[in-house]
Amino acid sequence: MTNPSNAGITHGLIFPRPVTYDVAVQRERLDQAARVVGGALRRLMTLEQRLYPGNVISQEQATELKAKVHAVARELIWHGWSSSRSSGPFQSLFGELNRRFAVPSYQAISIEQFGRAMTWLGEIQAALEAGRPPDLQP
């Protein structure tokens, strides 16, 4: 006869109950974790910008840089430029910006890099107007 108090114990070992995984529940947990981490990263970035405001460009400058990238991308399209990659001119420009300045977003550009980035984009526009190929890495 089995004693109910030791039903899960055999020879001194405790056997755990079988674990079942509900994929939908696990996905929801991962989605919730991603939201929490994403929110924490946004708050951290905001805090860093408040603590070190002189290090990165303002929101207005980031908007100005983004507008310049879009303007240059439209000119690339108008001049018939196509990348050897499958990405379009917007992605190519931002990818090159990321490569040259090692930044994941417009807001992460340092004040020092901002002037160089705007100059680089202006040089691309000047090259297009002069009929030269733009300085973009394939």
C-alpha atoms as a PDB file:
ATOM      1  CA  MET A   1       0.000   0.000   0.000  1.00  0.00           C
ATOM      2  CA  THR A   2       1.264   3.434  -0.926  1.00  0.00           C
ATOM      3  CA  ASN A   3       1.541   6.114   1.664  1.00  0.00           C
ATOM      4  CA  PRO A   4       0.080   9.369   0.191  1.00  0.00           C
ATOM      5  CA  SER A   5       2.770  11.424   1.899  1.00  0.00           C
ATOM      6  CA  ASN A   6       5.559   9.768  -0.107  1.00  0.00           C
ATOM      7  CA  ALA A   7       3.731   9.131  -3.388  1.00  0.00           C
ATOM      8  CA  GLY A   8       6.314  11.102  -5.378  1.00  0.00           C
ATOM      9  CA  ILE A   9       9.296   9.594  -3.614  1.00  0.00           C
ATOM     10  CA  THR A  10      10.888   6.383  -4.797  1.00  0.00           C
ATOM     11  CA  HIS A  11      14.100   5.122  -3.270  1.00  0.00           C
ATOM     12  CA  GLY A  12      14.769   8.536  -1.790  1.00  0.00           C
ATOM     13  CA  LEU A  13      14.496  10.364  -5.130  1.00  0.00           C
ATOM     14  CA  ILE A  14      11.811  12.883  -5.958  1.00  0.00           C
ATOM     15  CA  PHE A  15      10.545  12.655  -9.511  1.00  0.00           C
ATOM     16  CA  PRO A  16       9.163  15.945 -10.779  1.00  0.00           C
ATOM     17  CA  ARG A  17       5.843  16.075 -12.455  1.00  0.00           C
ATOM     18  CA  PRO A  18       5.969  15.955 -16.233  1.00  0.00           C
ATOM     19  CA  VAL A  19       6.481  19.414 -17.678  1.00  0.00           C
ATOM     20  CA  THR A  20       4.221  20.498 -20.481  1.00  0.00           C
ATOM     21  CA  TYR A  21       4.804  23.619 -22.498  1.00  0.00           C
ATOM     22  CA  ASP A  22       2.060  25.694 -23.967  1.00  0.00           C
ATOM     23  CA  VAL A  23       3.690  27.441 -26.932  1.00  0.00           C
ATOM     24  CA  ALA A  24       1.215  30.332 -26.883  1.00  0.00           C
ATOM     25  CA  VAL A  25       1.897  30.966 -23.191  1.00  0.00           C
ATOM     26  CA  GLN A  26       5.656  30.869 -23.769  1.00  0.00           C
ATOM     27  CA  ARG A  27       5.367  33.281 -26.702  1.00  0.00           C
ATOM     28  CA  GLU A  28       3.312  35.673 -24.588  1.00  0.00           C
ATOM     29  CA  ARG A  29       5.960  35.518 -21.855  1.00  0.00           C
ATOM     30  CA  LEU A  30       8.712  36.236 -24.387  1.00  0.00           C
ATOM     31  CA  ASP A  31       6.704  39.097 -25.884  1.00  0.00           C
ATOM     32  CA  GLN A  32       6.162  40.542 -22.409  1.00  0.00           C
ATOM     33  CA  ALA A  33       9.886  40.219 -21.641  1.00  0.00           C
ATOM     34  CA  ALA A  34      10.731  41.965 -24.924  1.00  0.00           C
ATOM     35  CA  ARG A  35       8.368  44.820 -24.032  1.00  0.00           C
ATOM     36  CA  VAL A  36       9.934  45.171 -20.594  1.00  0.00           C
ATOM     37  CA  VAL A  37      13.495  45.149 -21.962  1.00  0.00           C
ATOM     38  CA  GLY A  38      12.559  47.548 -24.766  1.00  0.00           C
ATOM     39  CA  GLY A  39      11.007  49.939 -22.260  1.00  0.00           C
ATOM     40  CA  ALA A  40      14.066  49.714 -20.029  1.00  0.00           C
ATOM     41  CA  LEU A  41      16.362  50.476 -22.979  1.00  0.00           C
ATOM     42  CA  ARG A  42      14.263  53.498 -23.968  1.00  0.00           C
ATOM     43  CA  ARG A  43      14.339  54.783 -20.392  1.00  0.00           C
ATOM     44  CA  LEU A  44      18.091  54.208 -20.211  1.00  0.00           C
ATOM     45  CA  MET A  45      18.653  56.091 -23.467  1.00  0.00           C
ATOM     46  CA  THR A  46      16.516  58.986 -22.188  1.00  0.00           C
ATOM     47  CA  LEU A  47      18.426  59.030 -18.911  1.00  0.00           C
ATOM     48  CA  GLU A  48      21.782  58.982 -20.693  1.00  0.00           C
ATOM     49  CA  GLN A  49      20.708  61.877 -22.903  1.00  0.00           C
ATOM     50  CA  ARG A  50      19.655  63.845 -19.814  1.00  0.00           C
ATOM     51  CA  LEU A  51      22.848  63.052 -17.921  1.00  0.00           C
ATOM     52  CA  TYR A  52      25.135  63.678 -20.884  1.00  0.00           C
ATOM     53  CA  PRO A  53      23.212  66.079 -23.121  1.00  0.00           C
ATOM     54  CA  GLY A  54      26.361  67.400 -24.770  1.00  0.00           C
ATOM     55  CA  ASN A  55      27.366  64.039 -26.151  1.00  0.00           C
ATOM     56  CA  VAL A  56      24.571  63.382 -28.625  1.00  0.00           C
ATOM     57  CA  ILE A  57      22.571  65.547 -30.971  1.00  0.00           C
ATOM     58  CA  SER A  58      19.199  66.984 -30.018  1.00  0.00           C
ATOM     59  CA  GLN A  59      15.914  65.550 -31.246  1.00  0.00           C
ATOM     60  CA  GLU A  60      15.671  68.472 -33.681  1.00  0.00           C
ATOM     61  CA  GLN A  61      19.118  67.703 -35.117  1.00  0.00           C
ATOM     62  CA  ALA A  62      18.207  64.014 -35.423  1.00  0.00           C
ATOM     63  CA  THR A  63      15.087  65.045 -37.344  1.00  0.00           C
ATOM     64  CA  GLU A  64      17.199  67.330 -39.552  1.00  0.00           C
ATOM     65  CA  LEU A  65      19.648  64.492 -40.273  1.00  0.00           C
ATOM     66  CA  LYS A  66      16.829  62.077 -41.059  1.00  0.00           C
ATOM     67  CA  ALA A  67      15.249  64.619 -43.414  1.00  0.00           C
ATOM     68  CA  LYS A  68      18.611  65.065 -45.166  1.00  0.00           C
ATOM     69  CA  VAL A  69      18.961  61.285 -45.575  1.00  0.00           C
ATOM     70  CA  HIS A  70      15.472  61.139 -47.098  1.00  0.00           C
ATOM     71  CA  ALA A  71      16.215  64.060 -49.420  1.00  0.00           C
ATOM     72  CA  VAL A  72      19.439  62.434 -50.636  1.00  0.00           C
ATOM     73  CA  ALA A  73      17.661  59.083 -51.049  1.00  0.00           C
ATOM     74  CA  ARG A  74      14.990  60.748 -53.203  1.00  0.00           C
ATOM     75  CA  GLU A  75      17.729  62.319 -55.337  1.00  0.00           C
ATOM     76  CA  LEU A  76      19.418  58.920 -55.684  1.00  0.00           C
ATOM     77  CA  ILE A  77      16.129  57.507 -56.938  1.00  0.00           C
ATOM     78  CA  TRP A  78      15.616  60.465 -59.287  1.00  0.00           C
ATOM     79  CA  HIS A  79      19.127  60.000 -60.732  1.00  0.00           C
ATOM     80  CA  GLY A  80      18.463  56.284 -61.264  1.00  0.00           C
ATOM     81  CA  TRP A  81      20.982  55.052 -58.705  1.00  0.00           C
ATOM     82  CA  SER A  82      20.599  51.468 -57.593  1.00  0.00           C
ATOM     83  CA  SER A  83      22.570  49.572 -55.025  1.00  0.00           C
ATOM     84  CA  SER A  84      24.191  46.235 -55.761  1.00  0.00           C
ATOM     85  CA  ARG A  85      22.496  45.106 -52.562  1.00  0.00           C
ATOM     86  CA  SER A  86      18.810  44.312 -52.453  1.00  0.00           C
ATOM     87  CA  SER A  87      18.141  47.280 -50.160  1.00  0.00           C
ATOM     88  CA  GLY A  88      16.938  50.575 -51.524  1.00  0.00           C
ATOM     89  CA  PRO A  89      18.610  53.972 -51.236  1.00  0.00           C
ATOM     90  CA  PHE A  90      17.094  54.797 -47.824  1.00  0.00           C
ATOM     91  CA  GLN A  91      18.468  51.598 -46.302  1.00  0.00           C
ATOM     92  CA  SER A  92      21.769  51.973 -48.149  1.00  0.00           C
ATOM     93  CA  LEU A  93      22.273  55.504 -46.855  1.00  0.00           C
ATOM     94  CA  PHE A  94      21.413  54.613 -43.282  1.00  0.00           C
ATOM     95  CA  GLY A  95      23.569  51.472 -43.501  1.00  0.00           C
ATOM     96  CA  GLU A  96      26.499  53.568 -44.695  1.00  0.00           C
ATOM     97  CA  LEU A  97      25.812  56.133 -41.957  1.00  0.00           C
ATOM     98  CA  ASN A  98      25.842  53.291 -39.446  1.00  0.00           C
ATOM     99  CA  ARG A  99      29.079  51.901 -40.887  1.00  0.00           C
ATOM    100  CA  ARG A 100      30.881  55.250 -41.005  1.00  0.00           C
ATOM    101  CA  PHE A 101      29.791  56.535 -37.610  1.00  0.00           C
ATOM    102  CA  ALA A 102      29.018  53.286 -35.705  1.00  0.00           C
ATOM    103  CA  VAL A 103      25.560  54.418 -34.589  1.00  0.00           C
ATOM    104  CA  PRO A 104      22.345  52.388 -34.343  1.00  0.00           C
ATOM    105  CA  SER A 105      20.016  55.378 -34.771  1.00  0.00           C
ATOM    106  CA  TYR A 106      19.930  59.015 -35.782  1.00  0.00           C
ATOM    107  CA  GLN A 107      19.581  60.026 -32.112  1.00  0.00           C
ATOM    108  CA  ALA A 108      22.848  58.281 -31.207  1.00  0.00           C
ATOM    109  CA  ILE A 109      24.989  60.520 -33.450  1.00  0.00           C
ATOM    110  CA  SER A 110      27.408  62.598 -31.412  1.00  0.00           C
ATOM    111  CA  ILE A 111      27.559  66.337 -31.895  1.00  0.00           C
ATOM    112  CA  GLU A 112      31.015  65.923 -33.413  1.00  0.00           C
ATOM    113  CA  GLN A 113      29.697  63.346 -35.907  1.00  0.00           C
ATOM    114  CA  PHE A 114      26.640  65.412 -36.837  1.00  0.00           C
ATOM    115  CA  GLY A 115      28.604  67.965 -38.869  1.00  0.00           C
ATOM    116  CA  ARG A 116      30.594  65.251 -40.624  1.00  0.00           C
ATOM    117  CA  ALA A 117      27.416  63.294 -41.428  1.00  0.00           C
ATOM    118  CA  MET A 118      25.693  66.357 -42.875  1.00  0.00           C
ATOM    119  CA  THR A 119      28.827  67.182 -44.904  1.00  0.00           C
ATOM    120  CA  TRP A 120      28.998  63.612 -46.225  1.00  0.00           C
ATOM    121  CA  LEU A 121      25.348  63.748 -47.311  1.00  0.00           C
ATOM    122  CA  GLY A 122      25.973  67.131 -48.964  1.00  0.00           C
ATOM    123  CA  GLU A 123      28.914  65.618 -50.859  1.00  0.00           C
ATOM    124  CA  ILE A 124      26.648  62.860 -52.165  1.00  0.00           C
ATOM    125  CA  GLN A 125      24.171  65.482 -53.379  1.00  0.00           C
ATOM    126  CA  ALA A 126      26.980  67.453 -55.046  1.00  0.00           C
ATOM    127  CA  ALA A 127      28.307  64.306 -56.741  1.00  0.00           C
ATOM    128  CA  LEU A 128      24.848  63.498 -58.100  1.00  0.00           C
ATOM    129  CA  GLU A 129      24.392  67.033 -59.403  1.00  0.00           C
ATOM    130  CA  ALA A 130      27.816  66.830 -61.104  1.00  0.00           C
ATOM    131  CA  GLY A 131      26.966  63.445 -62.640  1.00  0.00           C
ATOM    132  CA  ARG A 132      29.534  61.541 -60.543  1.00  0.00           C
ATOM    133  CA  PRO A 133      28.766  58.281 -58.715  1.00  0.00           C
ATOM    134  CA  PRO A 134      28.003  58.786 -55.015  1.00  0.00           C
ATOM    135  CA  ASP A 135      30.457  57.725 -52.331  1.00  0.00           C
ATOM    136  CA  LEU A 136      28.517  54.709 -51.034  1.00  0.00           C
ATOM    137  CA  GLN A 137      30.059  51.362 -50.227  1.00  0.00           C
ATOM    138  CA  PRO A 138      28.500  48.407 -52.081  1.00  0.00           C
END
